[in-house]
Amino acid sequence: MDHHAVRRVALALDGAEERDHHGSPSFRGRRIFATLPDETHLHVMLPEEEIRAAVAEWPEWTEEKWWGRRLAALRVDLGSCDPDVVAELLEDAWRASSQARRRSP
């Protein structure tokens, strides 16, 4: 999978758009649900328990992404990932972002 395929999957999600995030592409509804920090990696913003589960299930191509003391994202190696699983992870992150949006005032 490459960043072009990630972009196609992410932007196919209802209401998703691409915006700059500190010089890198990000995909968002109201909140960011994924970023492409470089050509070979994807950061997927999932709840902590889903990040840990993904790393346990696919340790060959995922790892935890920490920002300070917070487990913030799932880091995916695009060169060795399973594209179908990554598409599901992106949809899960988009859905979590959408649910958070509904709860917001």
Protein backbone atom coordinates (compact mmCIF):
# COMPACT_ATOMS: atom_id res chain seq x y z
CA MET A 1 0.00 0.00 0.00
CA ASP A 2 1.25 3.51 -0.70
CA HIS A 3 0.19 6.99 0.36
CA HIS A 4 -1.94 7.36 -2.79
CA ALA A 5 -4.00 4.31 -1.81
CA VAL A 6 -4.34 5.61 1.75
CA ARG A 7 -5.59 8.92 0.36
CA ARG A 8 -8.19 7.17 -1.85
CA VAL A 9 -9.50 5.09 1.06
CA ALA A 10 -9.58 7.98 3.54
CA LEU A 11 -11.25 10.44 1.18
CA ALA A 12 -13.91 7.89 0.21
CA LEU A 13 -15.25 8.06 3.78
CA ASP A 14 -18.34 10.25 4.10
CA GLY A 15 -17.41 13.85 4.86
CA ALA A 16 -13.66 13.20 5.04
CA GLU A 17 -11.31 15.83 3.71
CA GLU A 18 -7.56 16.30 3.47
CA ARG A 19 -5.81 19.21 5.18
CA ASP A 20 -2.27 20.12 6.11
CA HIS A 21 -1.15 19.17 9.61
CA HIS A 22 2.29 20.59 10.45
CA GLY A 23 3.46 20.05 6.87
CA SER A 24 1.96 16.58 6.45
CA PRO A 25 -1.35 15.45 4.97
CA SER A 26 -4.10 14.73 7.48
CA PHE A 27 -7.54 13.28 7.01
CA ARG A 28 -10.43 14.58 9.07
CA GLY A 29 -14.08 14.96 9.53
CA ARG A 30 -14.25 17.45 12.35
CA ARG A 31 -11.21 15.86 14.02
CA ILE A 32 -8.11 14.26 12.56
CA PHE A 33 -8.48 10.50 12.16
CA ALA A 34 -5.22 9.82 10.26
CA THR A 35 -2.00 11.47 9.09
CA LEU A 36 0.73 10.64 6.60
CA PRO A 37 3.92 11.83 8.33
CA ASP A 38 6.12 10.57 5.47
CA GLU A 39 5.90 8.47 2.29
CA THR A 40 6.12 5.11 4.07
CA HIS A 41 4.09 5.52 7.27
CA LEU A 42 0.52 6.21 8.32
CA HIS A 43 -0.67 7.29 11.77
CA VAL A 44 -4.22 6.16 12.56
CA MET A 45 -5.91 7.84 15.52
CA LEU A 46 -7.76 5.08 17.34
CA PRO A 47 -8.80 4.60 20.97
CA GLU A 48 -5.94 3.24 23.11
CA GLU A 49 -7.44 -0.23 23.45
CA GLU A 50 -7.75 -0.54 19.66
CA ILE A 51 -4.16 0.63 19.17
CA ARG A 52 -2.91 -2.00 21.61
CA ALA A 53 -5.04 -4.72 19.99
CA ALA A 54 -3.76 -3.86 16.51
CA VAL A 55 -0.12 -3.93 17.63
CA ALA A 56 -0.71 -7.32 19.27
CA GLU A 57 -2.36 -8.72 16.14
CA TRP A 58 -0.03 -7.22 13.48
CA PRO A 59 3.33 -6.57 15.20
CA GLU A 60 5.22 -6.95 11.90
CA TRP A 61 3.84 -3.71 10.49
CA THR A 62 2.31 -1.70 13.35
CA GLU A 63 3.60 -0.01 16.47
CA GLU A 64 2.36 2.34 19.15
CA LYS A 65 2.86 6.05 18.48
CA TRP A 66 3.32 8.04 21.69
CA TRP A 67 3.13 11.83 21.93
CA GLY A 68 4.55 12.67 25.30
CA ARG A 69 2.81 10.46 27.85
CA ARG A 70 -0.21 9.80 25.65
CA LEU A 71 -0.69 6.80 23.39
CA ALA A 72 -2.03 8.79 20.46
CA ALA A 73 -1.98 6.69 17.31
CA LEU A 74 -1.22 3.45 15.56
CA ARG A 75 1.88 3.77 13.35
CA VAL A 76 1.58 1.65 10.20
CA ASP A 77 4.45 0.64 7.91
CA LEU A 78 2.80 1.02 4.51
CA GLY A 79 5.42 -1.11 2.76
CA SER A 80 4.53 -4.28 4.64
CA CYS A 81 0.94 -3.77 5.78
CA ASP A 82 -2.23 -5.59 4.75
CA PRO A 83 -4.17 -3.01 2.68
CA ASP A 84 -7.56 -4.50 3.54
CA VAL A 85 -6.82 -4.27 7.27
CA VAL A 86 -5.54 -0.71 6.90
CA ALA A 87 -8.77 0.26 5.12
CA GLU A 88 -10.73 -1.19 8.07
CA LEU A 89 -8.52 0.66 10.57
CA LEU A 90 -9.08 3.93 8.73
CA GLU A 91 -12.82 3.36 8.75
CA ASP A 92 -12.72 2.56 12.49
CA ALA A 93 -10.80 5.78 13.17
CA TRP A 94 -13.17 7.81 10.99
CA ARG A 95 -16.14 6.27 12.81
CA ALA A 96 -14.63 7.06 16.23
CA SER A 97 -14.03 10.63 15.08
CA SER A 98 -17.62 10.89 13.84
CA GLN A 99 -19.01 9.60 17.13
CA ALA A 100 -16.94 12.14 19.03
CA ARG A 101 -18.35 14.84 16.78
CA ARG A 102 -21.94 13.86 17.62
CA ARG A 103 -21.23 14.13 21.36
CA SER A 104 -19.70 17.59 20.99
CA PRO A 105 -21.92 20.60 21.68
